[in-house]
Amino acid sequence: MSRLTFDPSCGLDITTTTIRELEDIATINYWGYRVVKYTNGSLFIHEAYYDHREGLLGIANDPAAACGDTREELEENIELITQALNEPVLNYQDYAIVD
């Protein structure tokens, strides 16, 4: 799987992730896409966040959507999403925050 350097130049809203500690946000070094299985059995693609050892810190709360400003960027994003199919599936309940 591609591990992309994490650059939160636009900022990262901690409430949009399963990560709840600011110090964990500070340790994000990489991100990538992963398949996530929900308790009802449905599968979705989520962004996943990793530390410098590529240890999984958490995932985005909501599924990802393919996007890009050009057709080429969209194709590149779809390729990155497709690579997630080669990784083990994550269970959403292992990362969901229960308030």
PDB file of N, CA and C in Angstrom:
ATOM      1  N   MET A   1       0.836  -1.179   0.000  1.00  0.00           N
ATOM      2  CA  MET A   1       0.000   0.000   0.000  1.00  0.00           C
ATOM      3  C   MET A   1       0.876   1.235   0.000  1.00  0.00           C
ATOM      4  N   SER A   2       0.433   2.234  -0.680  1.00  0.00           N
ATOM      5  CA  SER A   2       1.149   3.496  -0.666  1.00  0.00           C
ATOM      6  C   SER A   2       0.932   4.191   0.665  1.00  0.00           C
ATOM      7  N   ARG A   3       2.023   4.592   1.287  1.00  0.00           N
ATOM      8  CA  ARG A   3       1.952   5.418   2.482  1.00  0.00           C
ATOM      9  C   ARG A   3       2.395   6.803   2.044  1.00  0.00           C
ATOM     10  N   LEU A   4       1.490   7.739   2.095  1.00  0.00           N
ATOM     11  CA  LEU A   4       1.767   9.088   1.637  1.00  0.00           C
ATOM     12  C   LEU A   4       2.171   9.958   2.809  1.00  0.00           C
ATOM     13  N   THR A   5       3.150  10.814   2.590  1.00  0.00           N
ATOM     14  CA  THR A   5       3.584  11.716   3.645  1.00  0.00           C
ATOM     15  C   THR A   5       2.416  12.592   4.056  1.00  0.00           C
ATOM     16  N   PHE A   6       2.217  12.678   5.352  1.00  0.00           N
ATOM     17  CA  PHE A   6       1.098  13.444   5.878  1.00  0.00           C
ATOM     18  C   PHE A   6       1.487  14.901   5.952  1.00  0.00           C
ATOM     19  N   ASP A   7       0.706  15.743   5.284  1.00  0.00           N
ATOM     20  CA  ASP A   7       0.955  17.172   5.273  1.00  0.00           C
ATOM     21  C   ASP A   7      -0.368  17.887   5.526  1.00  0.00           C
ATOM     22  N   PRO A   8      -0.652  18.184   6.782  1.00  0.00           N
ATOM     23  CA  PRO A   8      -1.940  18.821   7.088  1.00  0.00           C
ATOM     24  C   PRO A   8      -1.926  20.325   6.839  1.00  0.00           C
ATOM     25  N   SER A   9      -1.443  20.724   5.666  1.00  0.00           N
ATOM     26  CA  SER A   9      -1.334  22.152   5.387  1.00  0.00           C
ATOM     27  C   SER A   9      -2.699  22.836   5.443  1.00  0.00           C
ATOM     28  N   CYS A  10      -3.747  22.107   5.138  1.00  0.00           N
ATOM     29  CA  CYS A  10      -5.096  22.666   5.236  1.00  0.00           C
ATOM     30  C   CYS A  10      -5.635  22.501   6.649  1.00  0.00           C
ATOM     31  N   GLY A  11      -4.888  21.830   7.477  1.00  0.00           N
ATOM     32  CA  GLY A  11      -5.350  21.551   8.829  1.00  0.00           C
ATOM     33  C   GLY A  11      -6.109  20.240   8.863  1.00  0.00           C
ATOM     34  N   LEU A  12      -6.144  19.625   9.996  1.00  0.00           N
ATOM     35  CA  LEU A  12      -6.878  18.390  10.183  1.00  0.00           C
ATOM     36  C   LEU A  12      -7.803  18.588  11.367  1.00  0.00           C
ATOM     37  N   ASP A  13      -9.068  18.431  11.134  1.00  0.00           N
ATOM     38  CA  ASP A  13     -10.047  18.552  12.200  1.00  0.00           C
ATOM     39  C   ASP A  13     -10.092  17.228  12.947  1.00  0.00           C
ATOM     40  N   ILE A  14      -9.617  17.216  14.168  1.00  0.00           N
ATOM     41  CA  ILE A  14      -9.534  15.982  14.951  1.00  0.00           C
ATOM     42  C   ILE A  14     -10.896  15.312  15.112  1.00  0.00           C
ATOM     43  N   THR A  15     -11.970  16.092  15.054  1.00  0.00           N
ATOM     44  CA  THR A  15     -13.301  15.504  15.222  1.00  0.00           C
ATOM     45  C   THR A  15     -13.736  14.676  14.019  1.00  0.00           C
ATOM     46  N   THR A  16     -12.983  14.745  12.917  1.00  0.00           N
ATOM     47  CA  THR A  16     -13.334  13.958  11.741  1.00  0.00           C
ATOM     48  C   THR A  16     -12.606  12.622  11.716  1.00  0.00           C
ATOM     49  N   THR A  17     -11.898  12.302  12.791  1.00  0.00           N
ATOM     50  CA  THR A  17     -11.137  11.060  12.863  1.00  0.00           C
ATOM     51  C   THR A  17     -11.526  10.279  14.113  1.00  0.00           C
ATOM     52  N   THR A  18     -11.011   9.057  14.184  1.00  0.00           N
ATOM     53  CA  THR A  18     -11.183   8.266  15.399  1.00  0.00           C
ATOM     54  C   THR A  18     -10.077   8.557  16.396  1.00  0.00           C
ATOM     55  N   ILE A  19      -9.188   9.477  16.047  1.00  0.00           N
ATOM     56  CA  ILE A  19      -8.102   9.880  16.932  1.00  0.00           C
ATOM     57  C   ILE A  19      -8.626  11.001  17.826  1.00  0.00           C
ATOM     58  N   ARG A  20      -8.465  10.882  19.120  1.00  0.00           N
ATOM     59  CA  ARG A  20      -9.022  11.889  20.013  1.00  0.00           C
ATOM     60  C   ARG A  20      -7.977  12.654  20.815  1.00  0.00           C
ATOM     61  N   GLU A  21      -6.744  12.231  20.780  1.00  0.00           N
ATOM     62  CA  GLU A  21      -5.693  12.889  21.545  1.00  0.00           C
ATOM     63  C   GLU A  21      -4.857  13.765  20.623  1.00  0.00           C
ATOM     64  N   LEU A  22      -4.705  15.027  20.985  1.00  0.00           N
ATOM     65  CA  LEU A  22      -3.925  15.946  20.158  1.00  0.00           C
ATOM     66  C   LEU A  22      -2.499  15.473  19.962  1.00  0.00           C
ATOM     67  N   GLU A  23      -1.928  14.840  20.972  1.00  0.00           N
ATOM     68  CA  GLU A  23      -0.553  14.360  20.814  1.00  0.00           C
ATOM     69  C   GLU A  23      -0.454  13.256  19.768  1.00  0.00           C
ATOM     70  N   ASP A  24      -1.543  12.481  19.576  1.00  0.00           N
ATOM     71  CA  ASP A  24      -1.543  11.466  18.522  1.00  0.00           C
ATOM     72  C   ASP A  24      -1.621  12.114  17.148  1.00  0.00           C
ATOM     73  N   ILE A  25      -2.396  13.191  17.036  1.00  0.00           N
ATOM     74  CA  ILE A  25      -2.452  13.921  15.770  1.00  0.00           C
ATOM     75  C   ILE A  25      -1.059  14.417  15.412  1.00  0.00           C
ATOM     76  N   ALA A  26      -0.322  14.879  16.398  1.00  0.00           N
ATOM     77  CA  ALA A  26       1.029  15.398  16.159  1.00  0.00           C
ATOM     78  C   ALA A  26       1.989  14.313  15.690  1.00  0.00           C
ATOM     79  N   THR A  27       1.679  13.043  15.958  1.00  0.00           N
ATOM     80  CA  THR A  27       2.588  11.969  15.564  1.00  0.00           C
ATOM     81  C   THR A  27       2.233  11.349  14.211  1.00  0.00           C
ATOM     82  N   ILE A  28       1.209  11.868  13.540  1.00  0.00           N
ATOM     83  CA  ILE A  28       0.875  11.340  12.215  1.00  0.00           C
ATOM     84  C   ILE A  28       1.990  11.703  11.240  1.00  0.00           C
ATOM     85  N   ASN A  29       2.527  10.686  10.590  1.00  0.00           N
ATOM     86  CA  ASN A  29       3.559  10.898   9.578  1.00  0.00           C
ATOM     87  C   ASN A  29       3.096  10.494   8.185  1.00  0.00           C
ATOM     88  N   TYR A  30       2.185   9.538   8.126  1.00  0.00           N
ATOM     89  CA  TYR A  30       1.737   9.006   6.846  1.00  0.00           C
ATOM     90  C   TYR A  30       0.228   8.824   6.864  1.00  0.00           C
ATOM     91  N   TRP A  31      -0.333   8.733   5.682  1.00  0.00           N
ATOM     92  CA  TRP A  31      -1.730   8.379   5.554  1.00  0.00           C
ATOM     93  C   TRP A  31      -1.885   7.525   4.305  1.00  0.00           C
ATOM     94  N   GLY A  32      -2.972   6.820   4.216  1.00  0.00           N
ATOM     95  CA  GLY A  32      -3.299   6.007   3.055  1.00  0.00           C
ATOM     96  C   GLY A  32      -4.757   5.601   3.162  1.00  0.00           C
ATOM     97  N   TYR A  33      -5.217   4.843   2.199  1.00  0.00           N
ATOM     98  CA  TYR A  33      -6.591   4.358   2.223  1.00  0.00           C
ATOM     99  C   TYR A  33      -6.634   2.919   2.716  1.00  0.00           C
ATOM    100  N   ARG A  34      -7.695   2.572   3.425  1.00  0.00           N
ATOM    101  CA  ARG A  34      -7.912   1.200   3.883  1.00  0.00           C
ATOM    102  C   ARG A  34      -9.382   0.841   3.734  1.00  0.00           C
ATOM    103  N   VAL A  35      -9.625  -0.439   3.505  1.00  0.00           N
ATOM    104  CA  VAL A  35     -10.987  -0.964   3.498  1.00  0.00           C
ATOM    105  C   VAL A  35     -11.396  -1.152   4.951  1.00  0.00           C
ATOM    106  N   VAL A  36     -12.595  -0.698   5.281  1.00  0.00           N
ATOM    107  CA  VAL A  36     -13.103  -0.786   6.648  1.00  0.00           C
ATOM    108  C   VAL A  36     -14.461  -1.482   6.614  1.00  0.00           C
ATOM    109  N   LYS A  37     -14.599  -2.505   7.468  1.00  0.00           N
ATOM    110  CA  LYS A  37     -15.845  -3.258   7.557  1.00  0.00           C
ATOM    111  C   LYS A  37     -16.672  -2.755   8.723  1.00  0.00           C
ATOM    112  N   TYR A  38     -17.934  -2.438   8.424  1.00  0.00           N
ATOM    113  CA  TYR A  38     -18.870  -1.976   9.447  1.00  0.00           C
ATOM    114  C   TYR A  38     -19.549  -3.178  10.095  1.00  0.00           C
ATOM    115  N   THR A  39     -20.191  -2.955  11.230  1.00  0.00           N
ATOM    116  CA  THR A  39     -20.823  -4.055  11.963  1.00  0.00           C
ATOM    117  C   THR A  39     -21.938  -4.727  11.165  1.00  0.00           C
ATOM    118  N   ASN A  40     -22.529  -4.020  10.205  1.00  0.00           N
ATOM    119  CA  ASN A  40     -23.572  -4.630   9.376  1.00  0.00           C
ATOM    120  C   ASN A  40     -23.001  -5.409   8.199  1.00  0.00           C
ATOM    121  N   GLY A  41     -21.669  -5.456   8.101  1.00  0.00           N
ATOM    122  CA  GLY A  41     -21.006  -6.205   7.041  1.00  0.00           C
ATOM    123  C   GLY A  41     -20.623  -5.387   5.825  1.00  0.00           C
ATOM    124  N   SER A  42     -21.100  -4.146   5.731  1.00  0.00           N
ATOM    125  CA  SER A  42     -20.767  -3.291   4.590  1.00  0.00           C
ATOM    126  C   SER A  42     -19.298  -2.893   4.635  1.00  0.00           C
ATOM    127  N   LEU A  43     -18.701  -2.759   3.456  1.00  0.00           N
ATOM    128  CA  LEU A  43     -17.304  -2.353   3.324  1.00  0.00           C
ATOM    129  C   LEU A  43     -17.229  -0.960   2.717  1.00  0.00           C
ATOM    130  N   PHE A  44     -16.360  -0.132   3.276  1.00  0.00           N
ATOM    131  CA  PHE A  44     -16.127   1.217   2.771  1.00  0.00           C
ATOM    132  C   PHE A  44     -14.634   1.491   2.768  1.00  0.00           C
ATOM    133  N   ILE A  45     -14.230   2.483   2.002  1.00  0.00           N
ATOM    134  CA  ILE A  45     -12.848   2.951   1.990  1.00  0.00           C
ATOM    135  C   ILE A  45     -12.755   4.157   2.923  1.00  0.00           C
ATOM    136  N   HIS A  46     -11.753   4.148   3.814  1.00  0.00           N
ATOM    137  CA  HIS A  46     -11.512   5.270   4.726  1.00  0.00           C
ATOM    138  C   HIS A  46     -10.053   5.692   4.611  1.00  0.00           C
ATOM    139  N   GLU A  47      -9.785   6.958   4.914  1.00  0.00           N
ATOM    140  CA  GLU A  47      -8.403   7.377   5.097  1.00  0.00           C
ATOM    141  C   GLU A  47      -7.925   6.786   6.415  1.00  0.00           C
ATOM    142  N   ALA A  48      -6.671   6.360   6.435  1.00  0.00           N
ATOM    143  CA  ALA A  48      -6.058   5.825   7.647  1.00  0.00           C
ATOM    144  C   ALA A  48      -4.793   6.623   7.931  1.00  0.00           C
ATOM    145  N   TYR A  49      -4.489   6.807   9.221  1.00  0.00           N
ATOM    146  CA  TYR A  49      -3.372   7.653   9.638  1.00  0.00           C
ATOM    147  C   TYR A  49      -2.363   6.830  10.413  1.00  0.00           C
ATOM    148  N   TYR A  50      -1.076   7.005  10.086  1.00  0.00           N
ATOM    149  CA  TYR A  50       0.001   6.182  10.631  1.00  0.00           C
ATOM    150  C   TYR A  50       1.073   7.030  11.303  1.00  0.00           C
ATOM    151  N   ASP A  51       1.749   6.426  12.279  1.00  0.00           N
ATOM    152  CA  ASP A  51       2.882   7.097  12.906  1.00  0.00           C
ATOM    153  C   ASP A  51       4.162   6.797  12.115  1.00  0.00           C
ATOM    154  N   HIS A  52       5.304   7.262  12.620  1.00  0.00           N
ATOM    155  CA  HIS A  52       6.565   7.110  11.885  1.00  0.00           C
ATOM    156  C   HIS A  52       6.982   5.654  11.710  1.00  0.00           C
ATOM    157  N   ARG A  53       6.456   4.759  12.505  1.00  0.00           N
ATOM    158  CA  ARG A  53       6.753   3.319  12.364  1.00  0.00           C
ATOM    159  C   ARG A  53       5.701   2.611  11.527  1.00  0.00           C
ATOM    160  N   GLU A  54       4.818   3.396  10.935  1.00  0.00           N
ATOM    161  CA  GLU A  54       3.690   2.906  10.155  1.00  0.00           C
ATOM    162  C   GLU A  54       2.700   2.131  11.020  1.00  0.00           C
ATOM    163  N   GLY A  55       2.650   2.494  12.306  1.00  0.00           N
ATOM    164  CA  GLY A  55       1.633   1.952  13.192  1.00  0.00           C
ATOM    165  C   GLY A  55       0.344   2.729  12.988  1.00  0.00           C
ATOM    166  N   LEU A  56      -0.764   2.033  12.879  1.00  0.00           N
ATOM    167  CA  LEU A  56      -2.040   2.677  12.620  1.00  0.00           C
ATOM    168  C   LEU A  56      -2.532   3.417  13.851  1.00  0.00           C
ATOM    169  N   LEU A  57      -2.741   4.729  13.706  1.00  0.00           N
ATOM    170  CA  LEU A  57      -3.225   5.572  14.806  1.00  0.00           C
ATOM    171  C   LEU A  57      -4.741   5.684  14.806  1.00  0.00           C
ATOM    172  N   GLY A  58      -5.361   5.656  13.636  1.00  0.00           N
ATOM    173  CA  GLY A  58      -6.807   5.811  13.543  1.00  0.00           C
ATOM    174  C   GLY A  58      -7.226   5.991  12.100  1.00  0.00           C
ATOM    175  N   ILE A  59      -8.527   6.161  11.923  1.00  0.00           N
ATOM    176  CA  ILE A  59      -9.090   6.323  10.591  1.00  0.00           C
ATOM    177  C   ILE A  59     -10.020   7.533  10.583  1.00  0.00           C
ATOM    178  N   ALA A  60     -10.358   7.991   9.391  1.00  0.00           N
ATOM    179  CA  ALA A  60     -11.371   9.035   9.265  1.00  0.00           C
ATOM    180  C   ALA A  60     -12.717   8.450   9.664  1.00  0.00           C
ATOM    181  N   ASN A  61     -13.538   9.241  10.327  1.00  0.00           N
ATOM    182  CA  ASN A  61     -14.866   8.762  10.728  1.00  0.00           C
ATOM    183  C   ASN A  61     -15.725   8.371   9.538  1.00  0.00           C
ATOM    184  N   ASP A  62     -15.663   9.166   8.479  1.00  0.00           N
ATOM    185  CA  ASP A  62     -16.523   8.943   7.319  1.00  0.00           C
ATOM    186  C   ASP A  62     -15.746   8.338   6.159  1.00  0.00           C
ATOM    187  N   PRO A  63     -16.429   7.579   5.316  1.00  0.00           N
ATOM    188  CA  PRO A  63     -15.770   7.010   4.142  1.00  0.00           C
ATOM    189  C   PRO A  63     -15.201   8.091   3.228  1.00  0.00           C
ATOM    190  N   ALA A  64     -14.166   7.718   2.506  1.00  0.00           N
ATOM    191  CA  ALA A  64     -13.527   8.624   1.548  1.00  0.00           C
ATOM    192  C   ALA A  64     -14.298   8.612   0.230  1.00  0.00           C
ATOM    193  N   ALA A  65     -14.126   9.667  -0.527  1.00  0.00           N
ATOM    194  CA  ALA A  65     -14.682   9.752  -1.876  1.00  0.00           C
ATOM    195  C   ALA A  65     -13.557  10.092  -2.833  1.00  0.00           C
ATOM    196  N   ALA A  66     -13.566   9.457  -3.979  1.00  0.00           N
ATOM    197  CA  ALA A  66     -12.555   9.770  -4.988  1.00  0.00           C
ATOM    198  C   ALA A  66     -12.748  11.213  -5.437  1.00  0.00           C
ATOM    199  N   CYS A  67     -11.622  11.933  -5.579  1.00  0.00           N
ATOM    200  CA  CYS A  67     -11.722  13.332  -5.994  1.00  0.00           C
ATOM    201  C   CYS A  67     -10.436  13.769  -6.680  1.00  0.00           C
ATOM    202  N   GLY A  68     -10.514  14.883  -7.353  1.00  0.00           N
ATOM    203  CA  GLY A  68      -9.362  15.479  -8.006  1.00  0.00           C
ATOM    204  C   GLY A  68      -9.788  16.735  -8.734  1.00  0.00           C
ATOM    205  N   ASP A  69      -8.843  17.612  -8.992  1.00  0.00           N
ATOM    206  CA  ASP A  69      -9.138  18.844  -9.724  1.00  0.00           C
ATOM    207  C   ASP A  69      -9.064  18.642 -11.234  1.00  0.00           C
ATOM    208  N   THR A  70      -8.432  17.548 -11.653  1.00  0.00           N
ATOM    209  CA  THR A  70      -8.346  17.206 -13.071  1.00  0.00           C
ATOM    210  C   THR A  70      -8.651  15.715 -13.214  1.00  0.00           C
ATOM    211  N   ARG A  71      -8.879  15.299 -14.423  1.00  0.00           N
ATOM    212  CA  ARG A  71      -9.123  13.876 -14.676  1.00  0.00           C
ATOM    213  C   ARG A  71      -7.922  13.037 -14.233  1.00  0.00           C
ATOM    214  N   GLU A  72      -6.723  13.535 -14.481  1.00  0.00           N
ATOM    215  CA  GLU A  72      -5.518  12.810 -14.102  1.00  0.00           C
ATOM    216  C   GLU A  72      -5.418  12.669 -12.579  1.00  0.00           C
ATOM    217  N   GLU A  73      -5.722  13.747 -11.868  1.00  0.00           N
ATOM    218  CA  GLU A  73      -5.699  13.676 -10.404  1.00  0.00           C
ATOM    219  C   GLU A  73      -6.749  12.697  -9.892  1.00  0.00           C
ATOM    220  N   LEU A  74      -7.909  12.680 -10.520  1.00  0.00           N
ATOM    221  CA  LEU A  74      -8.951  11.738 -10.134  1.00  0.00           C
ATOM    222  C   LEU A  74      -8.495  10.307 -10.377  1.00  0.00           C
ATOM    223  N   GLU A  75      -7.858  10.061 -11.507  1.00  0.00           N
ATOM    224  CA  GLU A  75      -7.340   8.729 -11.813  1.00  0.00           C
ATOM    225  C   GLU A  75      -6.280   8.306 -10.794  1.00  0.00           C
ATOM    226  N   GLU A  76      -5.389   9.225 -10.416  1.00  0.00           N
ATOM    227  CA  GLU A  76      -4.371   8.922  -9.407  1.00  0.00           C
ATOM    228  C   GLU A  76      -5.006   8.600  -8.067  1.00  0.00           C
ATOM    229  N   ASN A  77      -6.043   9.353  -7.699  1.00  0.00           N
ATOM    230  CA  ASN A  77      -6.722   9.112  -6.430  1.00  0.00           C
ATOM    231  C   ASN A  77      -7.420   7.753  -6.445  1.00  0.00           C
ATOM    232  N   ILE A  78      -8.052   7.408  -7.554  1.00  0.00           N
ATOM    233  CA  ILE A  78      -8.705   6.102  -7.671  1.00  0.00           C
ATOM    234  C   ILE A  78      -7.683   4.981  -7.574  1.00  0.00           C
ATOM    235  N   GLU A  79      -6.506   5.175  -8.141  1.00  0.00           N
ATOM    236  CA  GLU A  79      -5.436   4.169  -8.041  1.00  0.00           C
ATOM    237  C   GLU A  79      -5.016   3.976  -6.586  1.00  0.00           C
ATOM    238  N   LEU A  80      -4.871   5.065  -5.854  1.00  0.00           N
ATOM    239  CA  LEU A  80      -4.519   4.950  -4.432  1.00  0.00           C
ATOM    240  C   LEU A  80      -5.608   4.211  -3.656  1.00  0.00           C
ATOM    241  N   ILE A  81      -6.847   4.515  -3.962  1.00  0.00           N
ATOM    242  CA  ILE A  81      -7.962   3.831  -3.301  1.00  0.00           C
ATOM    243  C   ILE A  81      -7.937   2.343  -3.649  1.00  0.00           C
ATOM    244  N   THR A  82      -7.679   2.026  -4.891  1.00  0.00           N
ATOM    245  CA  THR A  82      -7.643   0.634  -5.335  1.00  0.00           C
ATOM    246  C   THR A  82      -6.558  -0.157  -4.600  1.00  0.00           C
ATOM    247  N   GLN A  83      -5.434   0.480  -4.293  1.00  0.00           N
ATOM    248  CA  GLN A  83      -4.358  -0.201  -3.575  1.00  0.00           C
ATOM    249  C   GLN A  83      -4.800  -0.672  -2.197  1.00  0.00           C
ATOM    250  N   ALA A  84      -5.800  -0.019  -1.622  1.00  0.00           N
ATOM    251  CA  ALA A  84      -6.299  -0.414  -0.309  1.00  0.00           C
ATOM    252  C   ALA A  84      -6.885  -1.826  -0.333  1.00  0.00           C
ATOM    253  N   LEU A  85      -7.296  -2.292  -1.495  1.00  0.00           N
ATOM    254  CA  LEU A  85      -7.868  -3.630  -1.602  1.00  0.00           C
ATOM    255  C   LEU A  85      -6.841  -4.729  -1.350  1.00  0.00           C
ATOM    256  N   ASN A  86      -5.558  -4.370  -1.382  1.00  0.00           N
ATOM    257  CA  ASN A  86      -4.482  -5.347  -1.137  1.00  0.00           C
ATOM    258  C   ASN A  86      -4.079  -5.438   0.325  1.00  0.00           C
ATOM    259  N   GLU A  87      -4.676  -4.614   1.169  1.00  0.00           N
ATOM    260  CA  GLU A  87      -4.357  -4.578   2.596  1.00  0.00           C
ATOM    261  C   GLU A  87      -5.427  -5.316   3.398  1.00  0.00           C
ATOM    262  N   PRO A  88      -5.075  -5.787   4.596  1.00  0.00           N
ATOM    263  CA  PRO A  88      -6.094  -6.418   5.439  1.00  0.00           C
ATOM    264  C   PRO A  88      -7.228  -5.438   5.754  1.00  0.00           C
ATOM    265  N   VAL A  89      -8.423  -5.982   5.857  1.00  0.00           N
ATOM    266  CA  VAL A  89      -9.608  -5.179   6.157  1.00  0.00           C
ATOM    267  C   VAL A  89      -9.606  -4.808   7.640  1.00  0.00           C
ATOM    268  N   LEU A  90      -9.928  -3.555   7.929  1.00  0.00           N
ATOM    269  CA  LEU A  90     -10.052  -3.089   9.311  1.00  0.00           C
ATOM    270  C   LEU A  90     -11.515  -3.170   9.735  1.00  0.00           C
ATOM    271  N   ASN A  91     -11.758  -3.389  11.010  1.00  0.00           N
ATOM    272  CA  ASN A  91     -13.107  -3.378  11.553  1.00  0.00           C
ATOM    273  C   ASN A  91     -13.384  -2.011  12.153  1.00  0.00           C
ATOM    274  N   TYR A  92     -14.457  -1.370  11.700  1.00  0.00           N
ATOM    275  CA  TYR A  92     -14.778  -0.027  12.164  1.00  0.00           C
ATOM    276  C   TYR A  92     -14.910   0.037  13.683  1.00  0.00           C
ATOM    277  N   GLN A  93     -15.539  -0.965  14.288  1.00  0.00           N
ATOM    278  CA  GLN A  93     -15.761  -0.929  15.738  1.00  0.00           C
ATOM    279  C   GLN A  93     -14.446  -0.939  16.519  1.00  0.00           C
ATOM    280  N   ASP A  94     -13.348  -1.362  15.896  1.00  0.00           N
ATOM    281  CA  ASP A  94     -12.044  -1.325  16.584  1.00  0.00           C
ATOM    282  C   ASP A  94     -11.523   0.109  16.696  1.00  0.00           C
ATOM    283  N   TYR A  95     -12.071   1.015  15.909  1.00  0.00           N
ATOM    284  CA  TYR A  95     -11.578   2.402  15.891  1.00  0.00           C
ATOM    285  C   TYR A  95     -12.635   3.423  16.272  1.00  0.00           C
ATOM    286  N   ALA A  96     -13.895   3.050  16.216  1.00  0.00           N
ATOM    287  CA  ALA A  96     -14.973   3.996  16.512  1.00  0.00           C
ATOM    288  C   ALA A  96     -14.891   4.458  17.955  1.00  0.00           C
ATOM    289  N   ILE A  97     -15.200   5.719  18.159  1.00  0.00           N
ATOM    290  CA  ILE A  97     -15.198   6.302  19.502  1.00  0.00           C
ATOM    291  C   ILE A  97     -16.627   6.280  20.006  1.00  0.00           C
ATOM    292  N   VAL A  98     -16.814   5.692  21.154  1.00  0.00           N
ATOM    293  CA  VAL A  98     -18.141   5.663  21.763  1.00  0.00           C
ATOM    294  C   VAL A  98     -18.186   6.767  22.799  1.00  0.00           C
ATOM    295  N   ASP A  99     -19.085   7.729  22.590  1.00  0.00           N
ATOM    296  CA  ASP A  99     -19.201   8.858  23.516  1.00  0.00           C
ATOM    297  C   ASP A  99     -20.089   8.501  24.686  1.00  0.00           C
TER     298      ASP A  99
END
